Protein backbone atom coordinates (compact mmCIF):
# COMPACT_ATOMS: atom_id res chain seq x y z
CA MET A 1 24.54 69.27 11.19
CA MET A 2 20.95 68.30 10.47
CA THR A 3 20.55 64.55 11.07
CA LYS A 4 17.46 64.28 8.85
CA THR A 5 17.09 65.44 5.28
CA PRO A 6 14.53 68.16 4.42
CA ARG A 7 12.31 65.55 2.74
CA HIS A 8 12.42 63.31 5.81
CA MET A 9 11.48 66.24 8.04
CA ALA A 10 8.63 67.13 5.68
CA VAL A 11 7.20 63.60 5.90
CA GLU A 12 7.34 63.65 9.70
CA ILE A 13 5.51 66.98 9.81
CA LEU A 14 2.83 65.68 7.43
CA ASN A 15 2.40 62.56 9.58
CA ARG A 16 1.72 64.72 12.63
CA VAL A 17 -0.70 66.93 10.71
CA GLU A 18 -2.68 63.85 9.71
CA GLU A 19 -2.42 61.75 12.86
CA GLU A 20 -2.62 64.46 15.53
CA GLY A 21 -4.84 67.02 13.79
CA ALA A 22 -2.02 69.55 14.19
CA TYR A 23 -1.50 72.58 11.95
CA ALA A 24 1.49 72.74 9.63
CA GLU A 25 2.67 76.27 10.47
CA PRO A 26 3.55 75.77 14.17
CA LEU A 27 5.08 72.35 13.39
CA LEU A 28 7.25 73.90 10.70
CA ASP A 29 8.25 76.78 12.98
CA ALA A 30 9.19 74.34 15.75
CA SER A 31 11.14 72.02 13.43
CA LEU A 32 13.08 74.82 11.81
CA SER A 33 13.83 76.57 15.09
CA CYS A 34 15.30 73.30 16.39
CA ALA A 35 17.49 73.06 13.29
CA ARG A 36 18.82 76.61 13.04
CA GLU A 37 21.88 75.39 11.16
CA THR A 38 19.63 74.30 8.31
CA LYS A 39 20.47 76.22 5.14
CA LEU A 40 17.95 78.74 3.84
CA GLN A 41 17.39 76.69 0.67
CA ASP A 42 16.65 73.58 2.78
CA ARG A 43 14.21 75.55 4.93
CA ARG A 44 12.44 76.67 1.78
CA LEU A 45 12.38 73.11 0.44
CA ILE A 46 10.82 71.73 3.63
CA THR A 47 8.18 74.47 3.58
CA GLN A 48 7.47 73.98 -0.11
CA ILE A 49 7.06 70.21 0.21
CA VAL A 50 4.85 70.37 3.31
CA TYR A 51 2.49 73.04 2.03
CA GLY A 52 2.59 71.85 -1.57
CA THR A 53 1.74 68.30 -0.57
CA LEU A 54 -1.13 69.49 1.66
CA ARG A 55 -2.52 71.70 -1.08
CA MET A 56 -2.37 69.01 -3.75
CA ARG A 57 -3.16 66.00 -1.55
CA GLY A 58 -6.40 65.09 -3.32
CA HIS A 59 -4.70 65.22 -6.72
CA LEU A 60 -1.79 63.12 -5.45
CA ASP A 61 -4.09 60.55 -3.81
CA TRP A 62 -5.99 60.13 -7.09
CA ILE A 63 -2.71 59.13 -8.76
CA ILE A 64 -1.67 56.77 -5.95
CA GLU A 65 -5.05 55.04 -6.00
CA HIS A 66 -4.69 54.43 -9.74
CA LEU A 67 -1.20 52.96 -9.38
CA TYR A 68 -1.69 50.96 -6.17
CA ARG A 69 -3.29 47.53 -6.38
CA GLY A 70 -4.23 47.37 -2.71
CA LYS A 71 -6.75 49.33 -0.66
CA PHE A 72 -5.49 52.89 -0.39
CA ASP A 73 -7.47 53.70 2.78
CA SER A 74 -5.63 50.89 4.61
CA MET A 75 -2.17 52.09 3.60
CA ASP A 76 0.12 53.22 6.45
CA VAL A 77 0.11 56.99 6.96
CA SER A 78 3.90 57.24 6.65
CA ILE A 79 3.87 55.37 3.34
CA LYS A 80 1.08 57.62 2.06
CA ASN A 81 3.03 60.75 2.93
CA ILE A 82 6.30 59.45 1.48
CA LEU A 83 4.45 58.72 -1.76
CA ARG A 84 2.63 62.06 -1.67
CA THR A 85 5.83 64.04 -1.16
CA GLY A 86 7.62 62.02 -3.86
CA LEU A 87 4.81 62.55 -6.37
CA TYR A 88 4.53 66.22 -5.47
CA GLN A 89 8.19 66.73 -6.28
CA LEU A 90 7.94 64.70 -9.51
CA LEU A 91 4.92 66.72 -10.64
CA PHE A 92 5.49 70.23 -9.36
CA THR A 93 9.24 70.81 -8.93
CA GLU A 94 11.83 71.09 -11.67
CA ARG A 95 15.30 71.34 -10.16
CA ILE A 96 15.47 67.89 -8.57
CA PRO A 97 16.20 64.90 -10.89
CA ASP A 98 13.54 62.17 -10.89
CA PHE A 99 15.99 59.45 -9.86
CA ALA A 100 17.11 61.48 -6.82
CA ILE A 101 13.52 61.98 -5.68
CA VAL A 102 12.78 58.24 -5.94
CA ASP A 103 16.04 57.18 -4.28
CA GLU A 104 15.54 59.46 -1.30
CA ALA A 105 11.89 58.40 -0.91
CA VAL A 106 13.08 54.79 -0.73
CA GLU A 107 15.74 55.68 1.85
CA ILE A 108 13.22 57.57 4.00
CA THR A 109 10.93 54.53 3.85
CA LYS A 110 13.71 52.23 5.02
CA LYS A 111 14.25 54.44 8.06
CA MET A 112 10.58 54.91 8.89
CA HIS A 113 8.87 51.76 7.64
CA ARG A 114 11.33 49.12 6.43
CA ARG A 115 8.87 46.82 4.68
CA GLY A 116 7.41 49.52 2.45
CA SER A 117 10.50 50.52 0.48
CA GLY A 118 9.76 48.16 -2.42
CA LEU A 119 6.21 49.48 -2.72
CA VAL A 120 7.37 53.11 -2.70
CA ASN A 121 10.03 52.40 -5.31
CA ALA A 122 7.55 50.57 -7.56
CA ILE A 123 4.78 53.17 -7.42
CA LEU A 124 7.05 56.17 -7.99
CA ARG A 125 8.91 54.51 -10.89
CA ASN A 126 5.61 53.35 -12.36
CA PHE A 127 4.37 56.93 -12.25
CA ILE A 128 7.46 58.20 -14.07
CA ARG A 129 6.79 55.67 -16.84
CA LYS A 130 3.02 56.22 -17.04
CA LYS A 131 2.49 59.85 -15.99
CA ASP A 132 1.22 60.84 -19.44
CA GLN A 133 -1.35 58.04 -19.26
CA ILE A 134 -2.98 59.14 -15.98
CA ALA A 135 -6.63 59.94 -16.81
CA TYR A 136 -8.48 62.70 -14.97
CA PRO A 137 -12.25 63.29 -14.98
CA GLU A 138 -13.38 65.43 -17.91
CA ILE A 139 -14.66 68.92 -17.09
CA GLY A 140 -17.47 68.59 -19.63
CA ARG A 141 -18.80 65.32 -18.23
CA ASP A 142 -18.41 65.91 -14.52
CA PRO A 143 -17.29 69.48 -13.68
CA ALA A 144 -17.37 68.97 -9.91
CA LEU A 145 -15.25 65.82 -9.99
CA ASN A 146 -12.81 67.37 -12.45
CA ILE A 147 -12.29 70.45 -10.25
CA SER A 148 -12.09 68.26 -7.14
CA ILE A 149 -9.28 66.10 -8.55
CA VAL A 150 -7.37 68.54 -10.75
CA HIS A 151 -7.48 71.39 -8.20
CA SER A 152 -7.39 69.12 -5.14
CA HIS A 153 -10.45 69.96 -3.03
CA PRO A 154 -12.98 67.60 -1.42
CA LEU A 155 -15.83 66.82 -3.80
CA TRP A 156 -18.56 67.94 -1.36
CA MET A 157 -16.84 71.31 -1.02
CA VAL A 158 -16.60 71.81 -4.77
CA LYS A 159 -20.28 70.93 -5.24
CA LYS A 160 -21.26 73.42 -2.54
CA TRP A 161 -19.23 76.20 -4.13
CA ILE A 162 -20.60 75.46 -7.61
CA GLU A 163 -24.08 76.08 -6.19
CA MET A 164 -22.85 79.41 -4.78
CA LEU A 165 -20.53 80.64 -7.53
CA GLY A 166 -20.93 78.51 -10.66
CA VAL A 167 -18.42 76.18 -12.31
CA GLU A 168 -15.93 78.70 -13.71
CA GLU A 169 -15.62 80.76 -10.57
CA THR A 170 -15.37 77.66 -8.37
CA ALA A 171 -12.48 76.42 -10.52
CA ALA A 172 -10.82 79.83 -10.18
CA LEU A 173 -11.33 79.81 -6.40
CA CYS A 174 -9.89 76.31 -5.99
CA LYS A 175 -6.93 77.19 -8.20
CA ALA A 176 -6.29 80.34 -6.16
CA ASN A 177 -6.45 78.31 -2.93
CA ASN A 178 -3.51 76.26 -4.20
CA GLN A 179 -1.30 79.28 -4.87
CA VAL A 180 1.39 80.26 -2.37
CA PRO A 181 -0.07 83.28 -0.55
CA PRO A 182 2.04 86.41 -0.19
CA ALA A 183 3.75 87.21 3.09
CA THR A 184 1.64 90.13 4.28
CA VAL A 185 2.31 92.35 7.28
CA ARG A 186 0.42 95.15 8.95
CA VAL A 187 2.41 98.24 9.85
CA ASN A 188 1.94 99.24 13.50
CA THR A 189 1.03 102.91 13.16
CA LEU A 190 1.52 103.43 16.90
CA LYS A 191 5.25 103.19 16.19
CA THR A 192 5.92 104.01 12.56
CA THR A 193 4.47 104.74 9.13
CA ARG A 194 3.89 102.50 6.14
CA ASP A 195 6.35 104.48 4.00
CA GLY A 196 9.03 104.31 6.68
CA THR A 197 8.56 100.58 7.20
CA LYS A 198 8.59 99.96 3.46
CA GLU A 199 11.96 101.69 3.21
CA GLU A 200 13.36 99.81 6.21
CA LEU A 201 12.34 96.39 4.90
CA SER A 202 13.73 97.27 1.47
CA ARG A 203 17.10 98.00 3.09
CA HIS A 204 17.00 94.48 4.56
CA GLY A 205 16.80 93.12 1.01
CA PHE A 206 13.06 92.43 0.83
CA GLU A 207 10.98 93.28 -2.20
CA VAL A 208 8.13 95.33 -0.75
CA LYS A 209 4.88 96.63 -2.19
CA GLU A 210 1.80 98.18 -0.66
CA THR A 211 -1.42 96.18 -0.28
CA ALA A 212 -4.26 97.11 -2.63
CA PHE A 213 -7.08 97.48 -0.09
CA SER A 214 -5.57 97.92 3.38
CA PRO A 215 -3.90 101.30 4.05
CA ASP A 216 -1.72 99.61 6.69
CA GLY A 217 -0.45 96.58 4.78
CA LEU A 218 2.74 95.60 2.99
CA ILE A 219 3.50 92.52 0.89
CA ILE A 220 7.08 91.27 1.23
CA SER A 221 8.85 88.79 -1.02
CA ASN A 222 12.23 87.32 -1.99
CA PRO A 223 13.66 87.58 1.54
CA ALA A 224 17.26 86.78 2.31
CA MET A 225 16.08 86.16 5.87
CA SER A 226 12.82 85.63 7.72
CA ALA A 227 10.98 88.87 8.44
CA ARG A 228 10.47 87.54 11.98
CA GLU A 229 14.24 87.74 12.43
CA THR A 230 14.35 91.47 11.66
CA ASP A 231 14.45 94.27 14.22
CA CYS A 232 11.35 95.61 12.46
CA TYR A 233 9.38 92.64 13.80
CA ALA A 234 11.14 92.32 17.18
CA SER A 235 10.52 95.99 18.00
CA GLY A 236 6.83 95.74 17.11
CA ARG A 237 6.75 97.84 13.98
CA ILE A 238 5.09 95.06 11.96
CA GLN A 239 2.52 92.34 12.63
CA PHE A 240 1.99 89.37 10.29
CA GLN A 241 -1.64 89.58 9.14
CA ASP A 242 -3.44 88.81 5.88
CA GLU A 243 -4.82 91.84 4.08
CA ALA A 244 -8.46 90.76 4.46
CA SER A 245 -7.93 90.27 8.19
CA GLN A 246 -6.51 93.80 8.37
CA LEU A 247 -9.72 95.15 6.87
CA ILE A 248 -11.88 93.87 9.73
CA ALA A 249 -10.61 96.56 12.13
CA ARG A 250 -11.30 99.09 9.36
CA LEU A 251 -14.81 97.66 9.16
CA VAL A 252 -15.21 98.31 12.90
CA SER A 253 -13.77 101.81 12.36
CA PRO A 254 -13.42 102.74 16.07
CA LYS A 255 -12.74 106.30 17.15
CA PRO A 256 -10.16 107.40 19.74
CA GLY A 257 -11.70 107.50 23.22
CA GLU A 258 -14.39 104.90 22.54
CA ASN A 259 -15.13 101.80 24.61
CA VAL A 260 -14.74 98.65 22.46
CA LEU A 261 -15.40 94.96 23.13
CA ASP A 262 -13.47 92.38 21.10
CA ILE A 263 -15.13 88.96 21.43
CA CYS A 264 -13.17 85.85 20.38
CA ALA A 265 -10.03 87.99 20.24
CA GLY A 266 -7.63 85.09 19.70
CA MET A 267 -3.98 86.13 19.66
CA GLY A 268 -4.88 89.74 19.04
CA GLY A 269 -4.11 90.60 15.42
CA LYS A 270 -7.36 92.53 15.06
CA THR A 271 -7.34 93.68 18.71
CA THR A 272 -4.02 95.45 18.35
CA HIS A 273 -5.09 96.92 15.03
CA LEU A 274 -8.16 98.42 16.71
CA ALA A 275 -5.88 99.99 19.31
CA ALA A 276 -3.66 101.48 16.60
CA ILE A 277 -6.66 102.99 14.80
CA MET A 278 -7.78 104.42 18.17
CA GLU A 279 -4.28 105.91 18.64
CA ASN A 280 -4.00 104.15 22.03
CA ARG A 281 -6.87 106.30 23.38
CA GLY A 282 -10.02 104.79 24.84
CA SER A 283 -10.41 101.20 26.05
CA ILE A 284 -10.68 97.72 24.55
CA LEU A 285 -11.76 94.61 26.42
CA ALA A 286 -10.49 91.49 24.61
CA ILE A 287 -12.14 88.19 25.52
CA ASP A 288 -11.22 84.67 24.43
CA ILE A 289 -11.97 81.18 25.69
CA SER A 290 -8.34 80.00 25.30
CA GLU A 291 -5.82 80.76 28.05
CA LYS A 292 -2.97 80.10 25.61
CA LYS A 293 -4.33 82.63 23.14
CA ILE A 294 -4.80 85.21 25.88
CA ASP A 295 -1.17 84.68 26.91
CA ALA A 296 -0.05 85.14 23.30
CA LEU A 297 -2.23 88.24 23.01
CA CYS A 298 -0.60 89.76 26.11
CA LYS A 299 2.86 89.20 24.65
CA ASN A 300 1.74 90.84 21.44
CA LEU A 301 0.37 93.84 23.34
CA SER A 302 3.78 94.35 24.88
CA ARG A 303 5.69 93.93 21.61
CA LEU A 304 3.41 96.38 19.79
CA ASP A 305 3.24 98.91 22.66
CA VAL A 306 -0.54 98.70 22.93
CA ALA A 307 -1.67 100.31 26.19
CA ILE A 308 -5.49 100.36 26.12
CA VAL A 309 -6.37 96.65 26.07
CA ASP A 310 -7.57 94.62 29.04
CA THR A 311 -7.89 90.86 28.58
CA GLN A 312 -10.33 88.38 30.01
CA GLU A 313 -10.65 84.63 29.63
CA GLY A 314 -14.24 83.68 28.99
CA ASP A 315 -16.73 81.71 26.89
CA ALA A 316 -18.69 84.02 24.58
CA ARG A 317 -21.54 81.50 24.48
CA GLU A 318 -22.27 82.26 28.14
CA LYS A 319 -24.07 85.40 29.21
CA ALA A 320 -21.96 87.94 31.12
CA GLY A 321 -24.88 89.31 33.10
CA LYS A 322 -25.95 92.94 33.59
CA ALA A 323 -22.43 94.27 34.15
CA PHE A 324 -21.87 94.73 30.41
CA ALA A 325 -25.38 96.00 29.57
CA GLU A 326 -25.19 98.82 26.97
CA SER A 327 -21.54 99.46 27.91
CA PHE A 328 -19.77 99.50 24.56
CA ASP A 329 -19.67 101.87 21.60
CA ARG A 330 -18.54 99.11 19.28
CA ILE A 331 -18.36 95.34 19.50
CA LEU A 332 -16.36 93.06 17.23
CA ILE A 333 -17.37 89.40 17.05
CA ASP A 334 -14.65 87.60 15.11
CA ALA A 335 -16.68 84.40 15.21
CA PRO A 336 -15.25 80.88 15.33
CA CYS A 337 -15.91 79.31 11.93
CA THR A 338 -14.92 76.59 9.48
CA GLY A 339 -12.03 78.74 8.21
CA LEU A 340 -12.70 77.82 4.57
CA GLY A 341 -11.57 81.27 3.46
CA THR A 342 -8.02 80.59 4.66
CA LEU A 343 -7.19 77.44 2.64
CA ARG A 344 -4.25 79.19 0.95
CA ARG A 345 -2.55 79.48 4.32
CA ASN A 346 -4.09 76.47 6.06
CA PRO A 347 -4.56 73.80 3.37
CA GLU A 348 -4.91 71.04 5.97
CA ILE A 349 -8.38 72.40 6.78
CA LYS A 350 -9.60 70.96 3.46
CA TRP A 351 -8.93 67.41 4.56
CA ARG A 352 -10.42 67.62 8.04
CA SER A 353 -13.64 69.46 7.16
CA PHE A 354 -17.06 67.85 6.68
CA PRO A 355 -20.29 69.03 5.01
CA GLU A 356 -22.10 69.38 8.33
CA ASP A 357 -19.42 71.61 9.94
CA ALA A 358 -20.89 74.91 8.74
CA ALA A 359 -24.30 74.15 10.26
CA LYS A 360 -22.64 73.18 13.55
CA CYS A 361 -20.63 76.41 13.59
CA SER A 362 -23.71 78.50 12.85
CA VAL A 363 -25.37 77.30 16.06
CA MET A 364 -22.42 78.61 18.07
CA GLN A 365 -22.20 81.81 16.03
CA LYS A 366 -25.87 82.62 16.61
CA ALA A 367 -25.46 82.05 20.34
CA ILE A 368 -22.45 84.38 20.53
CA LEU A 369 -24.23 87.08 18.53
CA GLU A 370 -27.34 86.75 20.70
CA ASN A 371 -25.31 87.09 23.90
CA ALA A 372 -23.41 90.14 22.63
CA ALA A 373 -26.48 92.14 21.56
CA PRO A 374 -27.34 93.57 25.02
CA TYR A 375 -23.78 94.87 25.53
CA ILE A 376 -23.93 97.51 22.79
CA LYS A 377 -25.05 101.07 23.47
CA ARG A 378 -27.95 102.62 21.60
CA GLY A 379 -26.52 103.95 18.37
CA GLY A 380 -23.49 101.68 18.70
CA SER A 381 -22.15 99.28 16.07
CA LEU A 382 -21.89 95.51 16.34
CA ILE A 383 -19.58 94.02 13.71
CA TYR A 384 -19.76 90.32 12.87
CA SER A 385 -16.93 88.72 10.88
CA THR A 386 -15.69 85.29 9.81
CA CYS A 387 -12.86 83.89 7.71
CA THR A 388 -15.13 81.62 5.71
CA ILE A 389 -17.32 81.95 2.61
CA THR A 390 -20.27 79.70 3.46
CA GLY A 391 -23.72 81.28 3.63
CA GLU A 392 -24.75 79.26 6.70
CA GLU A 393 -22.03 80.97 8.75
CA ASN A 394 -22.37 84.42 7.23
CA GLU A 395 -25.47 86.08 5.79
CA GLU A 396 -27.82 83.42 7.16
CA VAL A 397 -26.56 84.12 10.70
CA ILE A 398 -27.09 87.87 10.20
CA GLU A 399 -30.54 87.44 8.65
CA ASP A 400 -31.61 85.16 11.49
CA PHE A 401 -30.42 87.73 14.03
CA THR A 402 -32.01 90.80 12.43
CA ASN A 403 -35.31 88.94 11.98
CA ARG A 404 -35.40 88.39 15.75
CA HIS A 405 -33.97 91.81 16.66
CA PRO A 406 -35.74 94.53 14.64
CA ASP A 407 -33.89 97.21 16.64
CA PHE A 408 -30.67 96.18 14.84
CA ILE A 409 -30.23 97.35 11.26
CA CYS A 410 -27.57 96.07 8.88
CA ILE A 411 -25.87 99.02 7.18
CA ARG A 412 -23.25 99.30 4.47
CA PRO A 413 -19.62 99.35 5.66
CA PRO A 414 -17.91 102.70 6.27
CA ASP A 415 -15.90 104.33 3.52
CA THR A 416 -12.76 102.83 5.06
CA ILE A 417 -13.72 99.72 3.02
CA ASN A 418 -13.24 99.74 -0.78
CA SER A 419 -16.62 99.51 -2.50
CA SER A 420 -15.43 96.59 -4.65
CA LEU A 421 -15.41 94.51 -1.45
CA VAL A 422 -19.06 95.25 -0.63
CA ASP A 423 -21.84 93.20 -2.21
CA ASP A 424 -25.37 94.28 -3.18
CA HIS A 425 -26.69 93.48 0.30
CA GLY A 426 -24.12 95.66 2.05
CA TYR A 427 -21.94 92.79 3.26
CA PHE A 428 -18.14 92.91 3.21
CA ARG A 429 -16.75 89.95 1.23
CA SER A 430 -13.26 89.07 0.05
CA TYR A 431 -12.15 86.09 -2.02
CA PRO A 432 -8.73 84.68 -2.92
CA HIS A 433 -9.50 84.49 -6.66
CA ARG A 434 -11.08 87.94 -6.87
CA HIS A 435 -8.98 90.03 -4.53
CA GLY A 436 -5.79 88.08 -3.82
CA THR A 437 -6.65 87.92 -0.11
CA ASP A 438 -8.09 85.33 2.23
CA GLY A 439 -11.84 84.83 2.09
CA PHE A 440 -13.57 86.96 4.75
CA PHE A 441 -17.10 88.10 5.50
CA GLY A 442 -18.27 91.06 7.56
CA ALA A 443 -21.53 92.74 8.51
CA VAL A 444 -22.11 96.02 10.36
CA LEU A 445 -25.18 96.12 12.62
CA VAL A 446 -26.34 99.37 14.22
CA LYS A 447 -28.57 99.33 17.29
CA GLY A 448 -31.58 101.58 17.70
CA MET A 449 -31.06 104.23 15.06
CA GLU A 450 -32.06 104.95 11.50
CA GLY A 451 -29.83 103.28 8.91
CA GLU A 452 -29.72 101.88 5.44
CA LYS A 453 -31.71 98.65 5.42
CA GLN A 454 -30.62 95.53 3.64
CA ASN A 455 -31.98 95.00 0.19
CA ASP A 456 -34.22 91.98 -0.22
């Protein structure tokens, strides 16, 4: 039997996210794998509370600060997270009675922080009495602050996006970031077809539909079991991957027999997709700075039956020398970035990001792009992508590069990319509120040949 309740486990995970800078997904996976006897409904409750609390943390903290007489910043992390999870359930869940939520929050506090139980009890009961009296900033008076509190995003982030997108679209983006994203998988076409996989997953009891933009994607819902527990996953017929992420390999659009370099390959979601598009013919060199990610990539290669990938541990900010000079038909740079396009799946990023982060990332991105330029053959394509929506990390990096390298021309993406995902400058862009995907950016640069120039 599970010795801790789902709510207690959720608080412990949130404490580690905040104190250790850990990510929620691996902590949840580890906690649930250690408690395999946990019922499916309890697993769902833990997941809902952890992600829901992270998504709505700014909103919840606004309420706590208005009900707490002390200094909120000095409050113990465990007490904060017990209050956040309690308020999240009181505000955003319907099946659990209010008194049960408060009573369990008090019991968790007694086990984790004995002296705080009275405070937790008082604040949660006070909220139940006064919840209709909580005042939020008015959208007409202060749009940025209203969006920041109501839709739970840092104020600096909201202000930045209002400059980019305007008030209405920023509100829509922040609202979309707080929605539960669909479970999306990529079908491994080296082993099966999308139609065949759709039928197989349906037989397992999943509701399955095809993705709108990726020809390889499926969205699965209402599972009676985790898709990772199916033979479909174990045998390598599917790979978990957001739809926008799936489109990056389509942006590269490699041909069978080509020589491809994948820089910052990570755990290989895009790497293995490139191999599938190439029908396991040709060669891919996948490079990443992290030994752990390279190890995970190698395991994925085996599971997915990918045979054309070699891996190498290395820092893309350092020059590789003449050995790679004009060696590759296509290069993918999946650049390290702030990750602000993935807040649906990684809401903790909101609370550990700072205004200066994009500028810091752009320095690294420019260095990686500069180092990669000599490796591409004449007439070859260099594809730059990120999972963020900030201009400093996207178009400004590309414009800086092309200004210094007139032999590279930015062209429109191939017809493997839906035109609704291409902006007026020929850049690939996806947004959660527009397309129901993560927020990605991509640019295709061609070396030393005539192409369609960017519009001014």
